[in-house]
Amino acid sequence: MEGARAVGAAALTVQYDILIDGRLRRVSLTQAGDRFTVTVDGHRREIDVRRTGASISLIDADGTSHEVMVQQRPGSADLVVAVGPHALAVRIQRGRARAAADSMHGTDAERIVAPMPGKIVRVLVRPGDVVAARQPLMVVEAMKMENEVRAGRNGVVAELKAVEGALVESGAVLAVIDPPSSDFVTTR
């Protein structure tokens, strides 16, 4: 298992770079029995995992339960992870893809990519717009669900390739966000 390392005798930690809905996330999972510690981009949560038929129940430390289904996209290494009514496109980054994705965290431009094949139903920004991290940029309809595609960082929309009504393939570049200038200001 790529990225795995033992932590003590009873726990196993696995680390991945995962592209989720077009945004790179660093994910670490540590397992001890049915209990997991999940860290996503430095945010840590303790969860219990229970298999419930075809799905999995994730139970937070506060007792909140989330039903999760994971399916592999036919003919692809990509996954679709459904958490309740929300579907996420997931791709585990390896090798060159990981190195390319790492450049998105530096001073390089961020390429916003289609999380899965679908149709652009709304474009919410224009070239030159100043955007904040996590700001919705567009909406892609896939598998009869609308998925917001968000900025992964503060910056300026340098390129916008998404066109309302257009069909896109998974991984297609939809926009490019340049890093903010030194006088960057946002009201979000």
N, C-alpha and C. Protein backbone atom coordinates (compact mmCIF):
# COMPACT_ATOMS: atom_id res chain seq x y z
N MET A 1 0.85 -1.16 0.00
CA MET A 1 0.00 0.00 0.00
C MET A 1 0.90 1.23 0.00
N GLU A 2 0.80 2.06 -1.02
CA GLU A 2 1.67 3.22 -1.15
C GLU A 2 1.43 4.20 -0.02
N GLY A 3 2.49 4.69 0.59
CA GLY A 3 2.39 5.70 1.62
C GLY A 3 2.14 5.14 3.01
N ALA A 4 2.07 3.82 3.19
CA ALA A 4 1.76 3.24 4.50
C ALA A 4 3.02 3.16 5.34
N ARG A 5 2.82 3.38 6.65
CA ARG A 5 3.92 3.17 7.58
C ARG A 5 3.32 2.77 8.91
N ALA A 6 3.98 1.90 9.61
CA ALA A 6 3.47 1.43 10.90
C ALA A 6 3.71 2.48 11.97
N VAL A 7 2.74 2.64 12.86
CA VAL A 7 2.87 3.53 14.00
C VAL A 7 2.56 2.70 15.22
N GLY A 8 3.56 2.33 16.01
CA GLY A 8 3.34 1.45 17.15
C GLY A 8 2.96 0.06 16.67
N ALA A 9 2.59 -0.80 17.58
CA ALA A 9 2.28 -2.18 17.21
C ALA A 9 0.84 -2.35 16.75
N ALA A 10 -0.11 -1.51 17.24
CA ALA A 10 -1.53 -1.75 16.98
C ALA A 10 -2.11 -0.80 15.94
N ALA A 11 -1.39 0.19 15.47
CA ALA A 11 -1.96 1.19 14.56
C ALA A 11 -1.20 1.20 13.25
N LEU A 12 -1.91 1.56 12.20
CA LEU A 12 -1.32 1.70 10.87
C LEU A 12 -1.74 3.05 10.33
N THR A 13 -0.78 3.82 9.83
CA THR A 13 -1.08 5.12 9.24
C THR A 13 -0.80 5.06 7.75
N VAL A 14 -1.75 5.55 6.97
CA VAL A 14 -1.63 5.61 5.53
C VAL A 14 -1.81 7.06 5.12
N GLN A 15 -0.91 7.56 4.24
CA GLN A 15 -1.00 8.94 3.79
C GLN A 15 -1.18 8.97 2.29
N TYR A 16 -2.08 9.84 1.82
CA TYR A 16 -2.36 9.97 0.40
C TYR A 16 -2.48 11.44 0.02
N ASP A 17 -2.17 11.73 -1.22
CA ASP A 17 -2.56 12.98 -1.85
C ASP A 17 -3.75 12.61 -2.72
N ILE A 18 -4.90 13.21 -2.46
CA ILE A 18 -6.13 12.84 -3.15
C ILE A 18 -6.74 14.06 -3.79
N LEU A 19 -7.11 13.93 -5.07
CA LEU A 19 -7.80 14.99 -5.78
C LEU A 19 -9.29 14.77 -5.56
N ILE A 20 -9.94 15.67 -4.82
CA ILE A 20 -11.37 15.57 -4.52
C ILE A 20 -12.07 16.75 -5.15
N ASP A 21 -12.96 16.46 -6.10
CA ASP A 21 -13.69 17.51 -6.82
C ASP A 21 -12.75 18.60 -7.33
N GLY A 22 -11.60 18.17 -7.87
CA GLY A 22 -10.68 19.11 -8.50
C GLY A 22 -9.73 19.81 -7.54
N ARG A 23 -9.80 19.50 -6.24
CA ARG A 23 -8.93 20.14 -5.26
C ARG A 23 -8.02 19.09 -4.63
N LEU A 24 -6.74 19.39 -4.53
CA LEU A 24 -5.78 18.46 -3.93
C LEU A 24 -5.91 18.52 -2.41
N ARG A 25 -6.04 17.35 -1.81
CA ARG A 25 -6.13 17.24 -0.35
C ARG A 25 -5.07 16.26 0.12
N ARG A 26 -4.43 16.56 1.24
CA ARG A 26 -3.49 15.65 1.87
C ARG A 26 -4.26 14.95 2.98
N VAL A 27 -4.37 13.62 2.86
CA VAL A 27 -5.18 12.83 3.77
C VAL A 27 -4.31 11.80 4.47
N SER A 28 -4.48 11.71 5.78
CA SER A 28 -3.79 10.72 6.58
C SER A 28 -4.84 9.94 7.36
N LEU A 29 -4.75 8.62 7.33
CA LEU A 29 -5.66 7.74 8.07
C LEU A 29 -4.84 6.89 9.02
N THR A 30 -5.23 6.89 10.29
CA THR A 30 -4.60 6.03 11.28
C THR A 30 -5.69 5.14 11.85
N GLN A 31 -5.48 3.82 11.78
CA GLN A 31 -6.48 2.87 12.24
C GLN A 31 -6.01 2.18 13.51
N ALA A 32 -6.92 2.06 14.47
CA ALA A 32 -6.70 1.26 15.67
C ALA A 32 -8.03 0.56 15.95
N GLY A 33 -8.15 -0.70 15.53
CA GLY A 33 -9.42 -1.43 15.64
C GLY A 33 -10.45 -0.85 14.69
N ASP A 34 -11.66 -0.58 15.19
CA ASP A 34 -12.71 0.05 14.38
C ASP A 34 -12.62 1.56 14.41
N ARG A 35 -11.67 2.12 15.14
CA ARG A 35 -11.53 3.56 15.31
C ARG A 35 -10.48 4.09 14.35
N PHE A 36 -10.78 5.23 13.72
CA PHE A 36 -9.86 5.87 12.80
C PHE A 36 -9.64 7.31 13.22
N THR A 37 -8.43 7.79 12.99
CA THR A 37 -8.14 9.21 13.06
C THR A 37 -7.91 9.63 11.62
N VAL A 38 -8.71 10.58 11.15
CA VAL A 38 -8.62 11.08 9.78
C VAL A 38 -8.14 12.52 9.84
N THR A 39 -7.07 12.81 9.12
CA THR A 39 -6.57 14.18 9.04
C THR A 39 -6.60 14.60 7.58
N VAL A 40 -7.35 15.67 7.28
CA VAL A 40 -7.46 16.20 5.94
C VAL A 40 -6.95 17.63 5.97
N ASP A 41 -5.86 17.88 5.25
CA ASP A 41 -5.23 19.21 5.21
C ASP A 41 -5.03 19.78 6.62
N GLY A 42 -4.59 18.92 7.56
CA GLY A 42 -4.30 19.37 8.92
C GLY A 42 -5.48 19.37 9.87
N HIS A 43 -6.71 19.13 9.38
CA HIS A 43 -7.89 19.09 10.24
C HIS A 43 -8.14 17.64 10.65
N ARG A 44 -8.15 17.39 11.95
CA ARG A 44 -8.20 16.03 12.47
C ARG A 44 -9.59 15.69 13.03
N ARG A 45 -10.04 14.46 12.75
CA ARG A 45 -11.32 13.97 13.28
C ARG A 45 -11.17 12.52 13.70
N GLU A 46 -11.84 12.17 14.79
CA GLU A 46 -11.88 10.80 15.26
C GLU A 46 -13.21 10.20 14.80
N ILE A 47 -13.17 9.01 14.17
CA ILE A 47 -14.41 8.37 13.71
C ILE A 47 -14.37 6.87 13.97
N ASP A 48 -15.56 6.31 14.12
CA ASP A 48 -15.74 4.86 14.14
C ASP A 48 -16.30 4.48 12.78
N VAL A 49 -15.98 3.27 12.33
CA VAL A 49 -16.44 2.80 11.02
C VAL A 49 -17.24 1.52 11.22
N ARG A 50 -18.43 1.48 10.61
CA ARG A 50 -19.27 0.29 10.66
C ARG A 50 -19.75 -0.01 9.24
N ARG A 51 -19.61 -1.26 8.82
CA ARG A 51 -20.11 -1.67 7.51
C ARG A 51 -21.60 -1.96 7.66
N THR A 52 -22.42 -1.33 6.79
CA THR A 52 -23.88 -1.52 6.83
C THR A 52 -24.35 -1.91 5.44
N GLY A 53 -24.28 -3.18 5.13
CA GLY A 53 -24.68 -3.64 3.80
C GLY A 53 -23.69 -3.15 2.76
N ALA A 54 -24.22 -2.46 1.73
CA ALA A 54 -23.38 -1.97 0.63
C ALA A 54 -22.66 -0.68 0.98
N SER A 55 -23.05 -0.05 2.08
CA SER A 55 -22.43 1.22 2.44
C SER A 55 -21.62 1.09 3.73
N ILE A 56 -21.05 2.20 4.13
CA ILE A 56 -20.25 2.27 5.35
C ILE A 56 -20.83 3.40 6.19
N SER A 57 -20.95 3.20 7.49
CA SER A 57 -21.37 4.28 8.39
C SER A 57 -20.13 4.84 9.07
N LEU A 58 -19.95 6.15 8.96
CA LEU A 58 -18.89 6.85 9.67
C LEU A 58 -19.54 7.55 10.85
N ILE A 59 -19.06 7.29 12.04
CA ILE A 59 -19.67 7.85 13.24
C ILE A 59 -18.65 8.76 13.91
N ASP A 60 -18.98 10.07 13.96
CA ASP A 60 -18.11 11.06 14.59
C ASP A 60 -18.05 10.83 16.09
N ALA A 61 -17.07 11.45 16.74
CA ALA A 61 -16.92 11.35 18.19
C ALA A 61 -18.17 11.87 18.91
N ASP A 62 -18.91 12.81 18.29
CA ASP A 62 -20.13 13.34 18.91
C ASP A 62 -21.36 12.47 18.64
N GLY A 63 -21.18 11.33 17.94
CA GLY A 63 -22.28 10.41 17.68
C GLY A 63 -22.99 10.62 16.36
N THR A 64 -22.65 11.67 15.61
CA THR A 64 -23.26 11.92 14.31
C THR A 64 -22.83 10.84 13.33
N SER A 65 -23.79 10.28 12.59
CA SER A 65 -23.51 9.19 11.65
C SER A 65 -23.67 9.68 10.21
N HIS A 66 -22.77 9.25 9.33
CA HIS A 66 -22.81 9.59 7.91
C HIS A 66 -22.75 8.30 7.11
N GLU A 67 -23.71 8.09 6.20
CA GLU A 67 -23.69 6.92 5.33
C GLU A 67 -22.82 7.24 4.12
N VAL A 68 -21.89 6.36 3.80
CA VAL A 68 -20.95 6.58 2.71
C VAL A 68 -20.97 5.38 1.77
N MET A 69 -21.04 5.66 0.47
CA MET A 69 -20.91 4.61 -0.55
C MET A 69 -19.75 4.98 -1.45
N VAL A 70 -18.93 4.00 -1.79
CA VAL A 70 -17.77 4.22 -2.66
C VAL A 70 -17.91 3.32 -3.87
N GLN A 71 -17.81 3.91 -5.07
CA GLN A 71 -17.87 3.13 -6.31
C GLN A 71 -16.72 3.55 -7.21
N GLN A 72 -16.14 2.57 -7.89
CA GLN A 72 -15.11 2.88 -8.87
C GLN A 72 -15.79 3.21 -10.19
N ARG A 73 -15.32 4.28 -10.85
CA ARG A 73 -15.88 4.66 -12.14
C ARG A 73 -15.47 3.59 -13.16
N PRO A 74 -16.40 3.10 -13.97
CA PRO A 74 -16.08 2.06 -14.96
C PRO A 74 -14.94 2.51 -15.88
N GLY A 75 -13.96 1.64 -16.09
CA GLY A 75 -12.84 1.92 -16.99
C GLY A 75 -11.90 2.99 -16.48
N SER A 76 -11.91 3.27 -15.17
CA SER A 76 -11.10 4.35 -14.63
C SER A 76 -10.60 3.97 -13.24
N ALA A 77 -9.53 4.64 -12.81
CA ALA A 77 -9.06 4.46 -11.44
C ALA A 77 -9.77 5.44 -10.51
N ASP A 78 -10.57 6.35 -11.07
CA ASP A 78 -11.29 7.34 -10.28
C ASP A 78 -12.40 6.68 -9.47
N LEU A 79 -12.72 7.30 -8.34
CA LEU A 79 -13.80 6.82 -7.48
C LEU A 79 -14.88 7.87 -7.39
N VAL A 80 -16.10 7.44 -7.11
CA VAL A 80 -17.18 8.34 -6.75
C VAL A 80 -17.54 7.98 -5.31
N VAL A 81 -17.44 8.97 -4.43
CA VAL A 81 -17.74 8.76 -3.02
C VAL A 81 -19.00 9.56 -2.71
N ALA A 82 -20.07 8.86 -2.33
CA ALA A 82 -21.33 9.52 -1.98
C ALA A 82 -21.44 9.55 -0.47
N VAL A 83 -21.56 10.75 0.08
CA VAL A 83 -21.77 10.96 1.52
C VAL A 83 -23.15 11.56 1.64
N GLY A 84 -24.12 10.73 2.04
CA GLY A 84 -25.51 11.18 2.03
C GLY A 84 -25.89 11.56 0.62
N PRO A 85 -26.48 12.75 0.42
CA PRO A 85 -26.90 13.16 -0.93
C PRO A 85 -25.79 13.78 -1.77
N HIS A 86 -24.58 13.90 -1.24
CA HIS A 86 -23.48 14.58 -1.93
C HIS A 86 -22.53 13.58 -2.55
N ALA A 87 -22.22 13.74 -3.84
CA ALA A 87 -21.27 12.86 -4.53
C ALA A 87 -19.98 13.63 -4.79
N LEU A 88 -18.86 12.98 -4.52
CA LEU A 88 -17.55 13.58 -4.74
C LEU A 88 -16.75 12.71 -5.69
N ALA A 89 -16.07 13.35 -6.63
CA ALA A 89 -15.15 12.63 -7.51
C ALA A 89 -13.80 12.59 -6.81
N VAL A 90 -13.21 11.40 -6.72
CA VAL A 90 -11.97 11.22 -5.97
C VAL A 90 -10.95 10.51 -6.85
N ARG A 91 -9.71 11.02 -6.84
CA ARG A 91 -8.60 10.38 -7.55
C ARG A 91 -7.39 10.42 -6.64
N ILE A 92 -6.81 9.26 -6.37
CA ILE A 92 -5.60 9.20 -5.56
C ILE A 92 -4.42 9.55 -6.45
N GLN A 93 -3.63 10.55 -6.04
CA GLN A 93 -2.50 11.03 -6.83
C GLN A 93 -1.29 10.13 -6.62
N ARG A 94 -0.61 9.79 -7.69
CA ARG A 94 0.60 8.96 -7.62
C ARG A 94 1.65 9.54 -8.57
N GLY A 95 2.90 9.31 -8.26
CA GLY A 95 4.01 9.63 -9.16
C GLY A 95 3.99 11.04 -9.71
N ARG A 96 4.00 11.16 -11.05
CA ARG A 96 4.06 12.47 -11.71
C ARG A 96 2.84 13.32 -11.38
N ALA A 97 1.66 12.69 -11.28
CA ALA A 97 0.45 13.45 -10.97
C ALA A 97 0.59 14.12 -9.60
N ARG A 98 1.22 13.41 -8.65
CA ARG A 98 1.42 13.99 -7.32
C ARG A 98 2.37 15.18 -7.41
N ALA A 99 3.45 15.05 -8.14
CA ALA A 99 4.42 16.14 -8.28
C ALA A 99 3.77 17.35 -8.94
N ALA A 100 2.95 17.11 -9.95
CA ALA A 100 2.26 18.22 -10.63
C ALA A 100 1.27 18.88 -9.68
N ALA A 101 0.56 18.08 -8.91
CA ALA A 101 -0.43 18.62 -7.99
C ALA A 101 0.26 19.40 -6.88
N ASP A 102 1.44 18.98 -6.46
CA ASP A 102 2.17 19.70 -5.41
C ASP A 102 2.45 21.14 -5.83
N SER A 103 2.62 21.38 -7.12
CA SER A 103 2.91 22.74 -7.58
C SER A 103 1.74 23.69 -7.33
N MET A 104 0.53 23.15 -7.12
CA MET A 104 -0.63 24.01 -6.89
C MET A 104 -0.55 24.70 -5.53
N HIS A 105 0.28 24.22 -4.61
CA HIS A 105 0.35 24.82 -3.29
C HIS A 105 1.40 25.91 -3.20
N GLY A 106 2.22 26.09 -4.20
CA GLY A 106 3.26 27.09 -4.17
C GLY A 106 2.79 28.39 -4.78
N THR A 107 3.70 29.04 -5.49
CA THR A 107 3.37 30.32 -6.11
C THR A 107 2.93 30.13 -7.55
N ASP A 108 2.77 28.88 -7.99
CA ASP A 108 2.31 28.61 -9.34
C ASP A 108 0.81 28.81 -9.44
N ALA A 109 0.33 28.92 -10.67
CA ALA A 109 -1.11 29.03 -10.90
C ALA A 109 -1.78 27.71 -10.53
N GLU A 110 -3.03 27.80 -10.10
CA GLU A 110 -3.82 26.60 -9.77
C GLU A 110 -4.73 26.27 -10.95
N ARG A 111 -4.63 25.04 -11.43
CA ARG A 111 -5.50 24.58 -12.50
C ARG A 111 -6.74 23.96 -11.86
N ILE A 112 -7.90 24.48 -12.18
CA ILE A 112 -9.17 23.92 -11.68
C ILE A 112 -9.64 22.93 -12.74
N VAL A 113 -9.84 21.68 -12.34
CA VAL A 113 -10.20 20.64 -13.29
C VAL A 113 -11.59 20.08 -12.99
N ALA A 114 -12.22 19.53 -14.02
CA ALA A 114 -13.53 18.90 -13.86
C ALA A 114 -13.39 17.69 -12.94
N PRO A 115 -14.22 17.61 -11.90
CA PRO A 115 -14.09 16.49 -10.97
C PRO A 115 -14.56 15.17 -11.56
N MET A 116 -15.43 15.22 -12.57
CA MET A 116 -15.96 14.03 -13.22
C MET A 116 -16.59 14.48 -14.53
N PRO A 117 -16.88 13.56 -15.45
CA PRO A 117 -17.55 13.95 -16.68
C PRO A 117 -18.92 14.54 -16.34
N GLY A 118 -19.30 15.58 -17.06
CA GLY A 118 -20.60 16.19 -16.78
C GLY A 118 -20.86 17.37 -17.69
N LYS A 119 -21.84 18.17 -17.29
CA LYS A 119 -22.26 19.34 -18.05
C LYS A 119 -22.10 20.58 -17.17
N ILE A 120 -21.51 21.64 -17.73
CA ILE A 120 -21.38 22.91 -17.01
C ILE A 120 -22.76 23.56 -17.02
N VAL A 121 -23.37 23.72 -15.84
CA VAL A 121 -24.71 24.32 -15.80
C VAL A 121 -24.68 25.79 -15.41
N ARG A 122 -23.64 26.21 -14.65
CA ARG A 122 -23.51 27.62 -14.30
C ARG A 122 -22.04 27.98 -14.18
N VAL A 123 -21.67 29.15 -14.69
CA VAL A 123 -20.34 29.70 -14.49
C VAL A 123 -20.53 30.95 -13.64
N LEU A 124 -19.85 31.01 -12.50
CA LEU A 124 -20.10 32.06 -11.52
C LEU A 124 -19.04 33.15 -11.49
N VAL A 125 -17.98 33.00 -12.30
CA VAL A 125 -16.89 33.98 -12.33
C VAL A 125 -16.53 34.34 -13.76
N ARG A 126 -15.73 35.40 -13.90
CA ARG A 126 -15.22 35.81 -15.21
C ARG A 126 -13.72 36.02 -15.10
N PRO A 127 -13.00 35.97 -16.23
CA PRO A 127 -11.56 36.26 -16.17
C PRO A 127 -11.32 37.63 -15.53
N GLY A 128 -10.33 37.67 -14.66
CA GLY A 128 -10.01 38.92 -13.97
C GLY A 128 -10.66 39.04 -12.60
N ASP A 129 -11.66 38.20 -12.31
CA ASP A 129 -12.31 38.25 -11.00
C ASP A 129 -11.33 37.83 -9.90
N VAL A 130 -11.41 38.51 -8.77
CA VAL A 130 -10.64 38.13 -7.58
C VAL A 130 -11.49 37.10 -6.84
N VAL A 131 -10.87 35.96 -6.47
CA VAL A 131 -11.61 34.90 -5.78
C VAL A 131 -10.90 34.53 -4.49
N ALA A 132 -11.70 34.03 -3.56
CA ALA A 132 -11.17 33.57 -2.27
C ALA A 132 -11.15 32.05 -2.26
N ALA A 133 -10.28 31.48 -1.45
CA ALA A 133 -10.23 30.03 -1.29
C ALA A 133 -11.62 29.53 -0.92
N ARG A 134 -12.04 28.43 -1.53
CA ARG A 134 -13.32 27.77 -1.31
C ARG A 134 -14.51 28.50 -1.95
N GLN A 135 -14.26 29.57 -2.68
CA GLN A 135 -15.35 30.27 -3.36
C GLN A 135 -15.83 29.45 -4.54
N PRO A 136 -17.17 29.28 -4.70
CA PRO A 136 -17.68 28.56 -5.87
C PRO A 136 -17.32 29.30 -7.17
N LEU A 137 -16.84 28.52 -8.15
CA LEU A 137 -16.47 29.08 -9.44
C LEU A 137 -17.48 28.72 -10.53
N MET A 138 -18.01 27.50 -10.43
CA MET A 138 -18.96 27.00 -11.42
C MET A 138 -19.69 25.80 -10.84
N VAL A 139 -20.72 25.35 -11.55
CA VAL A 139 -21.48 24.18 -11.13
C VAL A 139 -21.47 23.18 -12.27
N VAL A 140 -21.08 21.93 -11.97
CA VAL A 140 -21.06 20.85 -12.95
C VAL A 140 -22.12 19.84 -12.56
N GLU A 141 -22.98 19.50 -13.51
CA GLU A 141 -23.99 18.47 -13.28
C GLU A 141 -23.43 17.13 -13.74
N ALA A 142 -23.45 16.16 -12.83
CA ALA A 142 -22.95 14.82 -13.14
C ALA A 142 -23.79 13.82 -12.36
N MET A 143 -24.18 12.77 -13.02
CA MET A 143 -24.97 11.72 -12.39
C MET A 143 -26.22 12.31 -11.72
N LYS A 144 -26.87 13.24 -12.41
CA LYS A 144 -28.10 13.90 -11.97
C LYS A 144 -27.93 14.69 -10.67
N MET A 145 -26.70 15.07 -10.36
CA MET A 145 -26.43 15.89 -9.18
C MET A 145 -25.60 17.09 -9.59
N GLU A 146 -25.86 18.24 -8.94
CA GLU A 146 -25.07 19.43 -9.20
C GLU A 146 -23.92 19.51 -8.19
N ASN A 147 -22.71 19.70 -8.70
CA ASN A 147 -21.51 19.75 -7.88
C ASN A 147 -20.83 21.10 -8.07
N GLU A 148 -20.65 21.84 -6.96
CA GLU A 148 -19.93 23.11 -7.06
C GLU A 148 -18.44 22.82 -7.21
N VAL A 149 -17.81 23.55 -8.10
CA VAL A 149 -16.37 23.49 -8.27
C VAL A 149 -15.85 24.78 -7.65
N ARG A 150 -14.96 24.64 -6.66
CA ARG A 150 -14.51 25.80 -5.87
C ARG A 150 -13.02 26.08 -6.06
N ALA A 151 -12.66 27.31 -5.79
CA ALA A 151 -11.25 27.70 -5.81
C ALA A 151 -10.54 27.05 -4.64
N GLY A 152 -9.33 26.60 -4.86
CA GLY A 152 -8.55 25.99 -3.78
C GLY A 152 -7.68 26.99 -3.05
N ARG A 153 -7.64 28.23 -3.54
CA ARG A 153 -6.77 29.25 -2.96
C ARG A 153 -7.31 30.62 -3.29
N ASN A 154 -6.80 31.64 -2.62
CA ASN A 154 -7.08 33.02 -2.99
C ASN A 154 -6.34 33.31 -4.28
N GLY A 155 -6.90 34.16 -5.13
CA GLY A 155 -6.21 34.53 -6.35
C GLY A 155 -7.09 35.27 -7.33
N VAL A 156 -6.66 35.25 -8.58
CA VAL A 156 -7.35 35.95 -9.66
C VAL A 156 -7.61 34.95 -10.78
N VAL A 157 -8.82 34.97 -11.34
CA VAL A 157 -9.16 34.09 -12.45
C VAL A 157 -8.36 34.55 -13.67
N ALA A 158 -7.35 33.78 -14.06
CA ALA A 158 -6.49 34.13 -15.19
C ALA A 158 -7.08 33.62 -16.50
N GLU A 159 -7.64 32.40 -16.46
CA GLU A 159 -8.25 31.79 -17.65
C GLU A 159 -9.55 31.14 -17.23
N LEU A 160 -10.54 31.22 -18.12
CA LEU A 160 -11.81 30.54 -17.88
C LEU A 160 -12.18 29.80 -19.15
N LYS A 161 -12.08 28.47 -19.07
CA LYS A 161 -12.37 27.63 -20.24
C LYS A 161 -13.77 27.04 -20.17
N ALA A 162 -14.40 27.09 -18.98
CA ALA A 162 -15.74 26.54 -18.79
C ALA A 162 -16.77 27.41 -19.49
N VAL A 163 -17.69 26.77 -20.21
CA VAL A 163 -18.77 27.46 -20.92
C VAL A 163 -20.08 26.80 -20.51
N GLU A 164 -21.05 27.60 -20.09
CA GLU A 164 -22.34 27.03 -19.69
C GLU A 164 -22.91 26.19 -20.82
N GLY A 165 -23.40 25.00 -20.45
CA GLY A 165 -24.01 24.09 -21.42
C GLY A 165 -23.02 23.11 -22.04
N ALA A 166 -21.72 23.36 -21.85
CA ALA A 166 -20.71 22.49 -22.47
C ALA A 166 -20.57 21.18 -21.68
N LEU A 167 -20.29 20.09 -22.41
CA LEU A 167 -19.98 18.81 -21.78
C LEU A 167 -18.47 18.76 -21.55
N VAL A 168 -18.06 18.24 -20.38
CA VAL A 168 -16.63 18.16 -20.05
C VAL A 168 -16.29 16.76 -19.60
N GLU A 169 -15.05 16.38 -19.82
CA GLU A 169 -14.53 15.09 -19.36
C GLU A 169 -13.84 15.28 -18.01
N SER A 170 -13.73 14.22 -17.25
CA SER A 170 -13.03 14.26 -15.98
C SER A 170 -11.59 14.70 -16.21
N GLY A 171 -11.13 15.65 -15.41
CA GLY A 171 -9.76 16.13 -15.52
C GLY A 171 -9.56 17.28 -16.49
N ALA A 172 -10.62 17.66 -17.25
CA ALA A 172 -10.50 18.77 -18.19
C ALA A 172 -10.27 20.07 -17.41
N VAL A 173 -9.36 20.91 -17.88
CA VAL A 173 -9.09 22.18 -17.22
C VAL A 173 -10.27 23.12 -17.47
N LEU A 174 -10.86 23.62 -16.38
CA LEU A 174 -12.01 24.51 -16.48
C LEU A 174 -11.62 25.97 -16.26
N ALA A 175 -10.60 26.18 -15.44
CA ALA A 175 -10.15 27.55 -15.14
C ALA A 175 -8.74 27.48 -14.60
N VAL A 176 -8.08 28.64 -14.62
CA VAL A 176 -6.75 28.77 -14.03
C VAL A 176 -6.79 29.97 -13.09
N ILE A 177 -6.36 29.74 -11.84
CA ILE A 177 -6.33 30.80 -10.83
C ILE A 177 -4.88 31.16 -10.57
N ASP A 178 -4.54 32.43 -10.87
CA ASP A 178 -3.19 32.91 -10.57
C ASP A 178 -3.10 33.25 -9.10
N PRO A 179 -1.90 33.13 -8.51
CA PRO A 179 -1.75 33.51 -7.10
C PRO A 179 -2.09 34.98 -6.92
N PRO A 180 -2.52 35.35 -5.72
CA PRO A 180 -2.87 36.76 -5.50
C PRO A 180 -1.64 37.65 -5.55
N SER A 181 -1.87 38.90 -5.95
CA SER A 181 -0.78 39.88 -5.93
C SER A 181 -0.59 40.32 -4.48
N SER A 182 0.42 41.10 -4.21
CA SER A 182 0.70 41.53 -2.83
C SER A 182 -0.40 42.44 -2.30
N ASP A 183 -1.21 43.04 -3.17
CA ASP A 183 -2.29 43.91 -2.71
C ASP A 183 -3.65 43.21 -2.77
N PHE A 184 -3.65 41.89 -2.65
CA PHE A 184 -4.85 41.07 -2.73
C PHE A 184 -5.83 41.46 -1.61
N VAL A 185 -7.09 41.69 -1.98
CA VAL A 185 -8.14 41.99 -1.01
C VAL A 185 -9.37 41.20 -1.38
N THR A 186 -10.01 40.58 -0.40
CA THR A 186 -11.28 39.88 -0.66
C THR A 186 -12.26 40.23 0.45
N THR A 187 -13.53 40.22 0.11
CA THR A 187 -14.56 40.53 1.10
C THR A 187 -15.22 39.26 1.59
N ARG A 188 -14.75 38.08 1.15
CA ARG A 188 -15.38 36.82 1.56
C ARG A 188 -14.79 36.34 2.86
